[in-house]
């Protein structure tokens, strides 16, 4: 009646992968709270009338920290001054029909909690590479393009890639003052 839906951006997503038991995350490995794709990969649907064409699909990885700068830009608001903003606005990507890359080199997760074995972890995803740094267990390396189900840990076969990604991950965590 009022046309509100024609001028409203709707973001549908989740905070974690599906809970093991009541949900099946296949072909993704594991579930909620775990470092594997079944625990961190979630659906994201954005409805933006007149901007995002229905049925548009993007393979660009994004994270929930991207929502603040995206919503602020859509609403025409300035981001808070004097505060680090972890995310990247998705507006340019959305306006391009999902074709314009976000221009970041990597994305990160940090979970310094004892919820599941082997305990706390941090993750870097750079392109198709994903390194899981377990703080109380061995590191794991996956090529998500070739192994979405994270079945083949490549860390032993590719120690130089592990070292490179781990150095970037640890530098990032230090730069943001991540709590351990």
N, C-alpha and C. Protein backbone atom coordinates (compact mmCIF):
# COMPACT_ATOMS: atom_id res chain seq x y z
N UNK A 1 0.82 -1.19 0.00
CA UNK A 1 0.00 0.00 0.00
C UNK A 1 0.87 1.26 0.00
N UNK A 2 1.95 1.28 0.84
CA UNK A 2 2.79 2.47 0.96
C UNK A 2 4.07 2.38 0.12
N UNK A 3 4.33 1.24 -0.48
CA UNK A 3 5.53 1.07 -1.30
C UNK A 3 6.82 0.96 -0.51
N UNK A 4 6.71 0.64 0.76
CA UNK A 4 7.91 0.55 1.61
C UNK A 4 8.86 -0.53 1.09
N UNK A 5 8.32 -1.66 0.64
CA UNK A 5 9.17 -2.75 0.15
C UNK A 5 9.99 -2.34 -1.06
N UNK A 6 9.52 -1.37 -1.82
CA UNK A 6 10.25 -0.90 -3.00
C UNK A 6 11.46 -0.04 -2.64
N UNK A 7 11.56 0.37 -1.37
CA UNK A 7 12.64 1.25 -0.92
C UNK A 7 13.35 0.70 0.32
N UNK A 8 13.28 -0.62 0.48
CA UNK A 8 13.86 -1.25 1.66
C UNK A 8 14.86 -2.32 1.24
N UNK A 9 16.05 -2.27 1.81
CA UNK A 9 17.06 -3.31 1.60
C UNK A 9 16.84 -4.38 2.68
N UNK A 10 16.75 -5.62 2.25
CA UNK A 10 16.56 -6.73 3.19
C UNK A 10 17.79 -7.63 3.11
N UNK A 11 18.39 -7.91 4.25
CA UNK A 11 19.56 -8.79 4.33
C UNK A 11 19.13 -10.02 5.12
N UNK A 12 19.23 -11.18 4.49
CA UNK A 12 18.90 -12.46 5.13
C UNK A 12 20.18 -13.25 5.26
N UNK A 13 20.53 -13.62 6.50
CA UNK A 13 21.76 -14.36 6.72
C UNK A 13 21.66 -15.13 8.03
N UNK A 14 22.76 -15.63 8.52
CA UNK A 14 22.83 -16.36 9.78
C UNK A 14 24.14 -16.01 10.46
N UNK A 15 24.26 -16.36 11.72
CA UNK A 15 25.49 -16.04 12.44
C UNK A 15 26.50 -17.16 12.42
N UNK A 16 26.09 -18.38 12.19
CA UNK A 16 26.98 -19.55 12.15
C UNK A 16 26.39 -20.56 11.19
N UNK A 17 27.18 -21.57 10.88
CA UNK A 17 26.65 -22.69 10.11
C UNK A 17 25.62 -23.44 10.94
N UNK A 18 24.96 -24.37 10.31
CA UNK A 18 23.89 -25.12 10.98
C UNK A 18 24.38 -25.97 12.13
N UNK A 19 23.55 -26.09 13.13
CA UNK A 19 23.83 -26.91 14.31
C UNK A 19 23.86 -28.37 13.91
N UNK A 20 24.93 -29.08 14.27
CA UNK A 20 25.02 -30.50 13.94
C UNK A 20 23.89 -31.25 14.64
N UNK A 21 23.31 -32.18 13.93
CA UNK A 21 22.19 -32.94 14.47
C UNK A 21 20.91 -32.56 13.75
N UNK A 22 20.33 -31.41 14.10
CA UNK A 22 19.08 -31.03 13.41
C UNK A 22 19.28 -30.55 11.98
N UNK A 23 20.52 -30.20 11.59
CA UNK A 23 20.76 -29.74 10.22
C UNK A 23 21.83 -30.59 9.54
N UNK A 24 21.79 -30.57 8.24
CA UNK A 24 22.78 -31.27 7.43
C UNK A 24 23.49 -30.22 6.59
N UNK A 25 24.76 -30.02 6.81
CA UNK A 25 25.53 -28.99 6.12
C UNK A 25 26.28 -29.51 4.90
N UNK A 26 26.04 -30.74 4.51
CA UNK A 26 26.74 -31.34 3.37
C UNK A 26 26.56 -30.47 2.13
N UNK A 27 27.59 -30.33 1.33
CA UNK A 27 28.87 -31.04 1.37
C UNK A 27 29.90 -30.40 2.30
N UNK A 28 29.48 -29.38 3.04
CA UNK A 28 30.41 -28.70 3.94
C UNK A 28 30.70 -29.56 5.16
N UNK A 29 31.90 -29.44 5.68
CA UNK A 29 32.33 -30.21 6.84
C UNK A 29 31.87 -29.55 8.13
N UNK A 30 31.35 -30.34 9.05
CA UNK A 30 31.06 -29.96 10.43
C UNK A 30 29.90 -28.98 10.56
N UNK A 31 29.86 -28.22 11.67
CA UNK A 31 28.73 -27.35 11.93
C UNK A 31 29.06 -26.21 12.88
N UNK A 32 28.03 -25.61 13.41
CA UNK A 32 28.09 -24.40 14.23
C UNK A 32 29.22 -24.44 15.27
N UNK A 33 30.01 -23.36 15.27
CA UNK A 33 31.07 -23.22 16.26
C UNK A 33 32.39 -23.85 15.86
N UNK A 34 32.38 -24.66 14.80
CA UNK A 34 33.61 -25.29 14.35
C UNK A 34 34.28 -24.44 13.29
N UNK A 35 35.57 -24.68 13.09
CA UNK A 35 36.38 -23.88 12.17
C UNK A 35 36.18 -24.26 10.71
N UNK A 36 35.44 -25.30 10.46
CA UNK A 36 35.26 -25.76 9.09
C UNK A 36 34.10 -25.03 8.42
N UNK A 37 34.01 -25.15 7.10
CA UNK A 37 33.02 -24.40 6.33
C UNK A 37 31.59 -24.63 6.82
N UNK A 38 31.29 -25.81 7.30
CA UNK A 38 29.95 -26.06 7.84
C UNK A 38 29.65 -25.26 9.09
N UNK A 39 30.68 -24.72 9.72
CA UNK A 39 30.50 -23.91 10.91
C UNK A 39 30.55 -22.42 10.66
N UNK A 40 31.18 -22.01 9.56
CA UNK A 40 31.32 -20.57 9.33
C UNK A 40 30.65 -20.08 8.05
N UNK A 41 30.39 -20.96 7.11
CA UNK A 41 29.76 -20.53 5.84
C UNK A 41 28.25 -20.50 6.05
N UNK A 42 27.65 -19.38 5.71
CA UNK A 42 26.21 -19.20 5.92
C UNK A 42 25.55 -18.62 4.67
N UNK A 43 24.24 -18.76 4.59
CA UNK A 43 23.55 -18.15 3.45
C UNK A 43 23.55 -16.62 3.57
N UNK A 44 23.54 -15.96 2.43
CA UNK A 44 23.41 -14.51 2.40
C UNK A 44 22.56 -14.16 1.19
N UNK A 45 21.43 -13.57 1.46
CA UNK A 45 20.54 -13.10 0.40
C UNK A 45 20.28 -11.62 0.66
N UNK A 46 20.51 -10.80 -0.36
CA UNK A 46 20.26 -9.37 -0.22
C UNK A 46 19.25 -8.96 -1.28
N UNK A 47 18.14 -8.42 -0.81
CA UNK A 47 17.11 -7.89 -1.71
C UNK A 47 17.22 -6.38 -1.67
N UNK A 48 17.51 -5.79 -2.83
CA UNK A 48 17.65 -4.34 -2.92
C UNK A 48 16.95 -3.91 -4.20
N UNK A 49 15.68 -3.60 -4.10
CA UNK A 49 14.89 -3.27 -5.29
C UNK A 49 15.52 -2.15 -6.11
N UNK A 50 15.59 -2.38 -7.42
CA UNK A 50 16.16 -1.39 -8.33
C UNK A 50 17.67 -1.40 -8.40
N UNK A 51 18.33 -2.19 -7.57
CA UNK A 51 19.79 -2.25 -7.56
C UNK A 51 20.29 -3.67 -7.82
N UNK A 52 19.82 -4.62 -7.02
CA UNK A 52 20.24 -6.01 -7.19
C UNK A 52 19.14 -6.74 -7.96
N UNK A 53 19.49 -7.24 -9.14
CA UNK A 53 18.53 -7.96 -9.97
C UNK A 53 18.24 -9.32 -9.33
N UNK A 54 16.99 -9.68 -9.23
CA UNK A 54 16.59 -10.98 -8.67
C UNK A 54 17.32 -12.10 -9.40
N UNK A 55 17.81 -13.07 -8.64
CA UNK A 55 18.51 -14.20 -9.21
C UNK A 55 20.00 -13.99 -9.39
N UNK A 56 20.51 -12.81 -9.07
CA UNK A 56 21.95 -12.55 -9.18
C UNK A 56 22.69 -13.43 -8.18
N UNK A 57 23.78 -14.03 -8.63
CA UNK A 57 24.59 -14.88 -7.77
C UNK A 57 26.02 -14.36 -7.76
N UNK A 58 26.62 -14.34 -6.58
CA UNK A 58 28.00 -13.90 -6.42
C UNK A 58 28.79 -14.96 -5.66
N UNK A 59 30.01 -15.17 -6.07
CA UNK A 59 30.89 -16.10 -5.36
C UNK A 59 31.90 -15.36 -4.48
N UNK A 60 31.76 -14.04 -4.36
CA UNK A 60 32.69 -13.23 -3.56
C UNK A 60 32.48 -13.54 -2.07
N UNK A 61 33.53 -13.99 -1.37
CA UNK A 61 33.37 -14.25 0.08
C UNK A 61 33.18 -12.94 0.84
N UNK A 62 32.20 -12.92 1.71
CA UNK A 62 31.95 -11.78 2.59
C UNK A 62 31.77 -12.30 4.01
N UNK A 63 31.84 -11.40 4.96
CA UNK A 63 31.62 -11.79 6.36
C UNK A 63 30.66 -10.80 7.00
N UNK A 64 30.18 -11.15 8.17
CA UNK A 64 29.18 -10.30 8.84
C UNK A 64 29.72 -8.91 9.18
N UNK A 65 31.04 -8.76 9.31
CA UNK A 65 31.58 -7.44 9.59
C UNK A 65 31.42 -6.48 8.42
N UNK A 66 31.06 -7.01 7.26
CA UNK A 66 30.81 -6.17 6.09
C UNK A 66 29.44 -5.47 6.15
N UNK A 67 28.58 -5.91 7.03
CA UNK A 67 27.22 -5.34 7.06
C UNK A 67 27.20 -3.90 7.56
N UNK A 68 27.98 -3.57 8.58
CA UNK A 68 27.98 -2.20 9.10
C UNK A 68 28.35 -1.19 8.01
N UNK A 69 29.50 -1.34 7.33
CA UNK A 69 29.82 -0.34 6.31
C UNK A 69 28.84 -0.37 5.13
N UNK A 70 28.27 -1.52 4.84
CA UNK A 70 27.30 -1.62 3.75
C UNK A 70 26.02 -0.88 4.09
N UNK A 71 25.48 -1.14 5.27
CA UNK A 71 24.23 -0.49 5.69
C UNK A 71 24.43 1.02 5.82
N UNK A 72 25.57 1.41 6.37
CA UNK A 72 25.85 2.85 6.51
C UNK A 72 25.89 3.52 5.14
N UNK A 73 26.54 2.90 4.17
CA UNK A 73 26.62 3.50 2.84
C UNK A 73 25.24 3.54 2.17
N UNK A 74 24.48 2.47 2.27
CA UNK A 74 23.13 2.45 1.68
C UNK A 74 22.27 3.56 2.28
N UNK A 75 22.40 3.76 3.59
CA UNK A 75 21.60 4.77 4.29
C UNK A 75 22.17 6.18 4.16
N UNK A 76 23.35 6.31 3.54
CA UNK A 76 23.97 7.62 3.39
C UNK A 76 24.55 8.16 4.68
N UNK A 77 24.97 7.26 5.56
CA UNK A 77 25.52 7.66 6.86
C UNK A 77 27.04 7.52 6.88
N UNK A 78 27.69 8.38 7.65
CA UNK A 78 29.14 8.29 7.84
C UNK A 78 29.44 7.19 8.85
N UNK A 79 30.56 6.51 8.63
CA UNK A 79 31.00 5.53 9.62
C UNK A 79 31.55 6.28 10.83
N UNK A 80 31.49 5.66 12.00
CA UNK A 80 31.99 6.33 13.21
C UNK A 80 33.46 6.71 13.07
N UNK A 81 33.79 7.91 13.49
CA UNK A 81 35.18 8.39 13.45
C UNK A 81 35.93 7.86 14.67
N UNK A 82 37.20 7.61 14.50
CA UNK A 82 38.03 7.18 15.62
C UNK A 82 37.88 5.72 15.99
N UNK A 83 37.18 4.94 15.17
CA UNK A 83 37.01 3.51 15.43
C UNK A 83 37.43 2.73 14.19
N UNK A 84 38.18 1.67 14.40
CA UNK A 84 38.56 0.80 13.28
C UNK A 84 37.31 0.08 12.80
N UNK A 85 37.13 0.03 11.50
CA UNK A 85 36.01 -0.69 10.90
C UNK A 85 36.60 -1.90 10.19
N UNK A 86 36.23 -3.08 10.65
CA UNK A 86 36.81 -4.30 10.11
C UNK A 86 36.29 -4.65 8.72
N UNK A 87 35.06 -4.33 8.44
CA UNK A 87 34.43 -4.77 7.20
C UNK A 87 34.65 -3.86 6.02
N UNK A 88 34.15 -4.31 4.89
CA UNK A 88 34.21 -3.59 3.62
C UNK A 88 32.78 -3.44 3.11
N UNK A 89 32.43 -2.27 2.65
CA UNK A 89 31.09 -2.06 2.09
C UNK A 89 30.89 -2.94 0.86
N UNK A 90 29.75 -3.56 0.76
CA UNK A 90 29.41 -4.41 -0.37
C UNK A 90 28.68 -3.64 -1.47
N UNK A 91 28.44 -2.34 -1.28
CA UNK A 91 27.61 -1.57 -2.19
C UNK A 91 28.14 -1.61 -3.63
N UNK A 92 29.41 -1.36 -3.85
CA UNK A 92 29.97 -1.40 -5.20
C UNK A 92 29.81 -2.78 -5.84
N UNK A 93 30.02 -3.80 -5.05
CA UNK A 93 29.87 -5.18 -5.52
C UNK A 93 28.41 -5.46 -5.90
N UNK A 94 27.50 -5.02 -5.05
CA UNK A 94 26.07 -5.23 -5.33
C UNK A 94 25.63 -4.47 -6.57
N UNK A 95 26.06 -3.23 -6.69
CA UNK A 95 25.68 -2.40 -7.85
C UNK A 95 26.24 -2.97 -9.16
N UNK A 96 27.32 -3.73 -9.09
CA UNK A 96 27.95 -4.29 -10.29
C UNK A 96 27.34 -5.62 -10.70
N UNK A 97 26.28 -6.03 -10.02
CA UNK A 97 25.70 -7.34 -10.32
C UNK A 97 26.57 -8.48 -9.83
N UNK A 98 27.36 -8.21 -8.80
CA UNK A 98 28.22 -9.24 -8.22
C UNK A 98 29.51 -9.47 -8.99
N UNK A 99 29.86 -8.55 -9.87
CA UNK A 99 31.07 -8.72 -10.69
C UNK A 99 32.29 -7.98 -10.16
N UNK A 100 32.10 -6.85 -9.50
CA UNK A 100 33.23 -6.06 -8.99
C UNK A 100 33.75 -6.70 -7.70
N UNK A 101 35.04 -7.03 -7.73
CA UNK A 101 35.67 -7.62 -6.54
C UNK A 101 35.72 -6.59 -5.41
N UNK A 102 35.76 -7.07 -4.18
CA UNK A 102 35.80 -6.18 -3.03
C UNK A 102 37.19 -5.58 -2.81
N UNK A 103 38.20 -6.14 -3.43
CA UNK A 103 39.53 -5.55 -3.36
C UNK A 103 40.28 -5.83 -2.08
N UNK A 104 39.84 -6.78 -1.30
CA UNK A 104 40.64 -7.11 -0.11
C UNK A 104 41.44 -8.37 -0.40
N UNK A 105 42.53 -8.48 0.32
CA UNK A 105 43.46 -9.56 0.07
C UNK A 105 43.06 -10.85 0.77
N UNK A 106 42.42 -10.74 1.94
CA UNK A 106 42.08 -11.93 2.72
C UNK A 106 40.95 -11.59 3.68
N UNK A 107 40.32 -12.64 4.20
CA UNK A 107 39.35 -12.45 5.28
C UNK A 107 39.77 -13.33 6.45
N UNK A 108 39.32 -12.96 7.65
CA UNK A 108 39.82 -13.58 8.88
C UNK A 108 38.67 -13.90 9.82
N UNK A 109 38.88 -14.95 10.63
CA UNK A 109 38.00 -15.29 11.74
C UNK A 109 38.89 -15.51 12.96
N UNK A 110 38.38 -15.17 14.11
CA UNK A 110 39.13 -15.39 15.35
C UNK A 110 38.16 -15.90 16.40
N UNK A 111 38.41 -17.09 16.92
CA UNK A 111 37.52 -17.74 17.88
C UNK A 111 38.37 -18.22 19.06
N UNK A 112 38.65 -17.33 20.04
CA UNK A 112 39.55 -17.67 21.13
C UNK A 112 38.84 -18.37 22.29
N UNK A 113 37.98 -19.33 22.00
CA UNK A 113 37.14 -19.96 23.02
C UNK A 113 37.37 -21.47 23.07
N UNK A 114 37.02 -22.05 24.19
CA UNK A 114 37.12 -23.49 24.38
C UNK A 114 35.74 -24.11 24.26
N UNK A 115 35.19 -24.11 23.06
CA UNK A 115 33.87 -24.69 22.85
C UNK A 115 33.98 -26.14 22.40
N UNK A 116 34.91 -26.42 21.48
CA UNK A 116 35.10 -27.76 20.93
C UNK A 116 36.58 -28.07 20.90
N UNK A 117 36.91 -29.36 20.84
CA UNK A 117 38.30 -29.76 20.60
C UNK A 117 38.63 -29.44 19.16
N UNK A 118 39.82 -28.98 18.85
CA UNK A 118 40.97 -28.84 19.72
C UNK A 118 41.11 -27.45 20.35
N UNK A 119 40.04 -26.79 20.64
CA UNK A 119 40.12 -25.51 21.35
C UNK A 119 40.13 -24.30 20.45
N UNK A 120 40.68 -23.20 20.96
CA UNK A 120 40.66 -21.92 20.23
C UNK A 120 41.33 -21.99 18.86
N UNK A 121 40.84 -21.17 17.94
CA UNK A 121 41.40 -21.15 16.60
C UNK A 121 41.25 -19.78 15.96
N UNK A 122 42.06 -19.56 14.94
CA UNK A 122 41.93 -18.41 14.05
C UNK A 122 42.06 -18.93 12.63
N UNK A 123 41.47 -18.19 11.69
CA UNK A 123 41.45 -18.63 10.30
C UNK A 123 41.80 -17.45 9.40
N UNK A 124 42.53 -17.76 8.34
CA UNK A 124 42.71 -16.82 7.24
C UNK A 124 42.23 -17.53 5.98
N UNK A 125 41.47 -16.79 5.18
CA UNK A 125 41.11 -17.26 3.85
C UNK A 125 41.64 -16.25 2.85
N UNK A 126 42.51 -16.72 1.99
CA UNK A 126 43.13 -15.89 0.95
C UNK A 126 42.90 -16.59 -0.37
N UNK A 127 42.00 -16.05 -1.18
CA UNK A 127 41.63 -16.72 -2.42
C UNK A 127 40.97 -18.04 -2.08
N UNK A 128 41.43 -19.10 -2.71
CA UNK A 128 40.85 -20.41 -2.42
C UNK A 128 41.53 -21.10 -1.23
N UNK A 129 42.59 -20.50 -0.69
CA UNK A 129 43.34 -21.10 0.41
C UNK A 129 42.72 -20.75 1.76
N UNK A 130 42.64 -21.73 2.62
CA UNK A 130 42.12 -21.53 3.98
C UNK A 130 43.08 -22.22 4.95
N UNK A 131 43.60 -21.43 5.88
CA UNK A 131 44.47 -21.98 6.93
C UNK A 131 43.74 -21.84 8.26
N UNK A 132 43.65 -22.95 8.98
CA UNK A 132 43.09 -22.94 10.33
C UNK A 132 44.26 -23.10 11.29
N UNK A 133 44.44 -22.09 12.13
CA UNK A 133 45.49 -22.12 13.15
C UNK A 133 44.82 -22.52 14.46
N UNK A 134 44.93 -23.80 14.80
CA UNK A 134 44.44 -24.28 16.09
C UNK A 134 45.54 -23.99 17.10
N UNK A 135 45.21 -23.35 18.20
CA UNK A 135 46.23 -22.96 19.17
C UNK A 135 46.67 -24.13 20.05
N UNK A 136 45.87 -25.19 20.07
CA UNK A 136 46.23 -26.36 20.87
C UNK A 136 46.15 -27.63 20.02
N UNK A 137 46.50 -27.50 18.77
CA UNK A 137 46.48 -28.64 17.85
C UNK A 137 47.20 -28.27 16.58
N UNK A 138 47.33 -29.22 15.66
CA UNK A 138 48.06 -28.93 14.42
C UNK A 138 47.27 -27.99 13.50
N UNK A 139 48.02 -27.22 12.71
CA UNK A 139 47.37 -26.35 11.73
C UNK A 139 46.84 -27.19 10.58
N UNK A 140 45.80 -26.65 9.92
CA UNK A 140 45.21 -27.35 8.78
C UNK A 140 45.11 -26.39 7.61
N UNK A 141 45.42 -26.87 6.41
CA UNK A 141 45.40 -26.09 5.19
C UNK A 141 44.53 -26.78 4.15
N UNK A 142 43.63 -25.99 3.56
CA UNK A 142 42.72 -26.53 2.53
C UNK A 142 42.67 -25.60 1.33
N UNK A 143 42.45 -26.21 0.16
CA UNK A 143 42.18 -25.46 -1.05
C UNK A 143 40.67 -25.62 -1.29
N UNK A 144 39.89 -24.60 -0.94
CA UNK A 144 38.43 -24.71 -1.00
C UNK A 144 37.89 -24.84 -2.42
N UNK A 145 38.66 -24.36 -3.38
CA UNK A 145 38.22 -24.49 -4.78
C UNK A 145 38.20 -25.96 -5.20
N UNK A 146 39.18 -26.72 -4.72
CA UNK A 146 39.30 -28.13 -5.09
C UNK A 146 38.72 -29.07 -4.04
N UNK A 147 38.53 -28.57 -2.81
CA UNK A 147 38.13 -29.43 -1.70
C UNK A 147 37.19 -28.68 -0.75
N UNK A 148 35.98 -28.40 -1.20
CA UNK A 148 35.02 -27.65 -0.40
C UNK A 148 34.66 -28.36 0.90
N UNK A 149 34.70 -29.69 0.89
CA UNK A 149 34.37 -30.47 2.08
C UNK A 149 35.51 -30.60 3.07
N UNK A 150 36.65 -29.95 2.77
CA UNK A 150 37.82 -29.95 3.66
C UNK A 150 38.19 -31.36 4.12
N UNK A 151 38.38 -32.23 3.14
CA UNK A 151 38.72 -33.63 3.43
C UNK A 151 40.21 -33.89 3.39
N UNK A 152 40.96 -33.04 2.62
CA UNK A 152 42.39 -33.27 2.46
C UNK A 152 43.19 -32.12 3.04
N UNK A 153 43.73 -32.34 4.23
CA UNK A 153 44.58 -31.35 4.90
C UNK A 153 45.93 -31.33 4.18
N UNK A 154 46.28 -30.20 3.59
CA UNK A 154 47.50 -30.05 2.80
C UNK A 154 48.68 -29.49 3.59
N UNK A 155 48.52 -29.32 4.90
CA UNK A 155 49.57 -28.64 5.68
C UNK A 155 50.92 -29.35 5.63
N UNK A 156 50.93 -30.66 5.68
CA UNK A 156 52.21 -31.40 5.62
C UNK A 156 52.85 -31.32 4.25
N UNK A 157 52.03 -31.32 3.21
CA UNK A 157 52.54 -31.29 1.84
C UNK A 157 52.96 -29.88 1.41
N UNK A 158 52.47 -28.84 2.09
CA UNK A 158 52.73 -27.47 1.67
C UNK A 158 53.15 -26.59 2.86
N UNK A 159 54.27 -26.93 3.50
CA UNK A 159 54.69 -26.16 4.70
C UNK A 159 54.98 -24.68 4.39
N UNK A 160 55.44 -24.37 3.19
CA UNK A 160 55.72 -22.96 2.85
C UNK A 160 54.42 -22.15 2.78
N UNK A 161 53.35 -22.74 2.25
CA UNK A 161 52.06 -22.06 2.18
C UNK A 161 51.51 -21.87 3.59
N UNK A 162 51.66 -22.85 4.45
CA UNK A 162 51.25 -22.73 5.85
C UNK A 162 51.99 -21.58 6.51
N UNK A 163 53.30 -21.54 6.34
CA UNK A 163 54.13 -20.50 6.96
C UNK A 163 53.71 -19.11 6.46
N UNK A 164 53.50 -18.97 5.14
CA UNK A 164 53.10 -17.69 4.55
C UNK A 164 51.76 -17.22 5.11
N UNK A 165 50.77 -18.10 5.09
CA UNK A 165 49.43 -17.71 5.55
C UNK A 165 49.40 -17.47 7.06
N UNK A 166 50.13 -18.29 7.81
CA UNK A 166 50.15 -18.12 9.26
C UNK A 166 50.80 -16.80 9.64
N UNK A 167 51.85 -16.41 8.94
CA UNK A 167 52.50 -15.12 9.22
C UNK A 167 51.53 -13.97 8.98
N UNK A 168 50.77 -14.04 7.89
CA UNK A 168 49.76 -13.00 7.58
C UNK A 168 48.66 -12.98 8.63
N UNK A 169 48.22 -14.18 9.03
CA UNK A 169 47.17 -14.28 10.04
C UNK A 169 47.62 -13.68 11.37
N UNK A 170 48.79 -14.07 11.83
CA UNK A 170 49.29 -13.57 13.11
C UNK A 170 49.54 -12.07 13.06
N UNK A 171 50.04 -11.56 11.93
CA UNK A 171 50.24 -10.10 11.79
C UNK A 171 48.91 -9.38 11.85
N UNK A 172 47.89 -9.95 11.23
CA UNK A 172 46.55 -9.33 11.27
C UNK A 172 46.02 -9.31 12.70
N UNK A 173 46.11 -10.43 13.39
CA UNK A 173 45.61 -10.52 14.77
C UNK A 173 46.33 -9.51 15.68
N UNK A 174 47.64 -9.37 15.49
CA UNK A 174 48.40 -8.39 16.27
C UNK A 174 47.96 -6.97 15.93
N UNK A 175 47.71 -6.71 14.65
CA UNK A 175 47.33 -5.35 14.23
C UNK A 175 45.99 -4.90 14.80
N UNK A 176 45.11 -5.86 15.08
CA UNK A 176 43.79 -5.49 15.63
C UNK A 176 43.72 -5.67 17.14
N UNK A 177 44.81 -6.12 17.75
CA UNK A 177 44.81 -6.32 19.19
C UNK A 177 43.91 -7.45 19.63
N UNK A 178 43.86 -8.53 18.84
CA UNK A 178 42.98 -9.65 19.15
C UNK A 178 43.30 -10.25 20.52
N UNK A 179 42.28 -10.52 21.27
CA UNK A 179 42.44 -11.13 22.60
C UNK A 179 42.57 -12.64 22.43
N UNK A 180 43.48 -13.18 23.19
CA UNK A 180 43.69 -14.62 23.12
C UNK A 180 43.09 -15.27 24.35
